[in-house]
Amino acid sequence: MNTIKSIRSIILASVAASLLVFVGFAVAEDPKPSATLTLKETEVGVLIGGDWGHGTLTYNGEPHMFHMTGAKLGRVLVSPWPR
């Protein structure tokens, strides 16, 4: 009889905890992000290669443009990003 009460208590506690978690997710709102990143990159290479691109970081409504370049060693790829 004690075993059945213990199992029932565990099940009820699990259900109550699950409901609290789901209600918390339903009520929580995503905050507006303070920054967004837009990125355009191209990579080319066979064993030795490179990548280049540009983007914009918008932070608190103010855009900051940037360019990037890089080198790769030991890869085989040709891939524009994003896909």
C-alpha atoms as a PDB file:
ATOM      1  CA  MET A   1       0.000   0.000   0.000  1.00  0.00           C
ATOM      2  CA  ASN A   2       2.862   2.396   0.788  1.00  0.00           C
ATOM      3  CA  THR A   3       4.408   1.601  -2.574  1.00  0.00           C
ATOM      4  CA  ILE A   4       1.247   2.649  -4.405  1.00  0.00           C
ATOM      5  CA  LYS A   5       1.088   5.918  -2.423  1.00  0.00           C
ATOM      6  CA  SER A   6       4.757   6.596  -3.213  1.00  0.00           C
ATOM      7  CA  ILE A   7       4.242   5.958  -6.916  1.00  0.00           C
ATOM      8  CA  ARG A   8       1.137   8.162  -6.922  1.00  0.00           C
ATOM      9  CA  SER A   9       3.056  10.965  -5.158  1.00  0.00           C
ATOM     10  CA  ILE A  10       5.893  10.734  -7.686  1.00  0.00           C
ATOM     11  CA  ILE A  11       3.477  10.839 -10.623  1.00  0.00           C
ATOM     12  CA  LEU A  12       1.561  13.815  -9.196  1.00  0.00           C
ATOM     13  CA  ALA A  13       4.802  15.697  -8.487  1.00  0.00           C
ATOM     14  CA  SER A  14       6.020  15.007 -12.042  1.00  0.00           C
ATOM     15  CA  VAL A  15       2.762  16.222 -13.586  1.00  0.00           C
ATOM     16  CA  ALA A  16       2.786  19.368 -11.417  1.00  0.00           C
ATOM     17  CA  ALA A  17       6.408  20.138 -12.346  1.00  0.00           C
ATOM     18  CA  SER A  18       5.666  19.596 -16.049  1.00  0.00           C
ATOM     19  CA  LEU A  19       2.692  21.958 -15.917  1.00  0.00           C
ATOM     20  CA  LEU A  20       4.801  24.654 -14.232  1.00  0.00           C
ATOM     21  CA  VAL A  21       7.470  24.333 -16.920  1.00  0.00           C
ATOM     22  CA  PHE A  22       4.962  24.507 -19.796  1.00  0.00           C
ATOM     23  CA  VAL A  23       3.126  27.473 -18.262  1.00  0.00           C
ATOM     24  CA  GLY A  24       6.475  29.245 -17.808  1.00  0.00           C
ATOM     25  CA  PHE A  25       7.315  28.756 -21.492  1.00  0.00           C
ATOM     26  CA  ALA A  26       3.876  29.951 -22.577  1.00  0.00           C
ATOM     27  CA  VAL A  27       4.094  33.145 -20.505  1.00  0.00           C
ATOM     28  CA  ALA A  28       7.740  34.044 -21.220  1.00  0.00           C
ATOM     29  CA  GLU A  29       8.259  36.538 -24.036  1.00  0.00           C
ATOM     30  CA  ASP A  30      11.381  36.717 -26.146  1.00  0.00           C
ATOM     31  CA  PRO A  31      13.185  39.987 -25.568  1.00  0.00           C
ATOM     32  CA  LYS A  32      13.963  42.097 -28.614  1.00  0.00           C
ATOM     33  CA  PRO A  33      17.584  41.433 -29.622  1.00  0.00           C
ATOM     34  CA  SER A  34      19.993  44.351 -29.182  1.00  0.00           C
ATOM     35  CA  ALA A  35      21.983  43.292 -32.262  1.00  0.00           C
ATOM     36  CA  THR A  36      21.486  41.508 -35.585  1.00  0.00           C
ATOM     37  CA  LEU A  37      24.122  40.216 -38.003  1.00  0.00           C
ATOM     38  CA  THR A  38      23.729  39.937 -41.772  1.00  0.00           C
ATOM     39  CA  LEU A  39      26.560  38.012 -43.436  1.00  0.00           C
ATOM     40  CA  LYS A  40      27.432  37.048 -47.026  1.00  0.00           C
ATOM     41  CA  GLU A  41      30.478  34.768 -47.410  1.00  0.00           C
ATOM     42  CA  THR A  42      32.053  32.749 -50.243  1.00  0.00           C
ATOM     43  CA  GLU A  43      34.607  29.951 -49.784  1.00  0.00           C
ATOM     44  CA  VAL A  44      36.730  28.293 -52.478  1.00  0.00           C
ATOM     45  CA  GLY A  45      39.533  25.779 -52.202  1.00  0.00           C
ATOM     46  CA  VAL A  46      41.199  22.465 -52.897  1.00  0.00           C
ATOM     47  CA  LEU A  47      43.568  21.670 -50.006  1.00  0.00           C
ATOM     48  CA  ILE A  48      44.494  25.368 -49.912  1.00  0.00           C
ATOM     49  CA  GLY A  49      41.773  27.948 -50.263  1.00  0.00           C
ATOM     50  CA  GLY A  50      40.268  31.145 -49.101  1.00  0.00           C
ATOM     51  CA  ASP A  51      37.111  32.879 -48.130  1.00  0.00           C
ATOM     52  CA  TRP A  52      35.829  36.418 -48.396  1.00  0.00           C
ATOM     53  CA  GLY A  53      32.671  38.279 -47.653  1.00  0.00           C
ATOM     54  CA  HIS A  54      30.949  41.236 -46.087  1.00  0.00           C
ATOM     55  CA  GLY A  55      28.187  41.957 -43.656  1.00  0.00           C
ATOM     56  CA  THR A  56      26.404  44.394 -41.432  1.00  0.00           C
ATOM     57  CA  LEU A  57      26.174  44.344 -37.659  1.00  0.00           C
ATOM     58  CA  THR A  58      23.196  46.382 -36.520  1.00  0.00           C
ATOM     59  CA  TYR A  59      23.576  47.278 -32.842  1.00  0.00           C
ATOM     60  CA  ASN A  60      20.881  49.293 -31.079  1.00  0.00           C
ATOM     61  CA  GLY A  61      19.546  50.416 -34.466  1.00  0.00           C
ATOM     62  CA  GLU A  62      22.931  51.629 -35.763  1.00  0.00           C
ATOM     63  CA  PRO A  63      24.451  49.691 -38.728  1.00  0.00           C
ATOM     64  CA  HIS A  64      28.182  48.835 -38.785  1.00  0.00           C
ATOM     65  CA  MET A  65      29.420  47.443 -42.126  1.00  0.00           C
ATOM     66  CA  PHE A  66      32.478  45.177 -42.350  1.00  0.00           C
ATOM     67  CA  HIS A  67      34.507  43.069 -44.816  1.00  0.00           C
ATOM     68  CA  MET A  68      36.384  39.844 -44.136  1.00  0.00           C
ATOM     69  CA  THR A  69      38.910  37.554 -45.803  1.00  0.00           C
ATOM     70  CA  GLY A  70      40.598  34.363 -44.728  1.00  0.00           C
ATOM     71  CA  ALA A  71      42.727  31.400 -45.775  1.00  0.00           C
ATOM     72  CA  LYS A  72      42.119  27.669 -45.411  1.00  0.00           C
ATOM     73  CA  LEU A  73      44.463  24.691 -45.421  1.00  0.00           C
ATOM     74  CA  GLY A  74      43.436  21.063 -45.872  1.00  0.00           C
ATOM     75  CA  ARG A  75      39.872  21.428 -47.168  1.00  0.00           C
ATOM     76  CA  VAL A  76      38.068  20.677 -50.413  1.00  0.00           C
ATOM     77  CA  LEU A  77      35.039  22.921 -50.950  1.00  0.00           C
ATOM     78  CA  VAL A  78      33.197  25.458 -53.014  1.00  0.00           C
ATOM     79  CA  SER A  79      30.266  26.868 -51.104  1.00  0.00           C
ATOM     80  CA  PRO A  80      28.396  30.149 -51.069  1.00  0.00           C
ATOM     81  CA  TRP A  81      26.907  30.972 -47.682  1.00  0.00           C
ATOM     82  CA  PRO A  82      24.079  31.385 -46.682  1.00  0.00           C
ATOM     83  CA  ARG A  83      22.314  28.586 -48.483  1.00  0.00           C
END
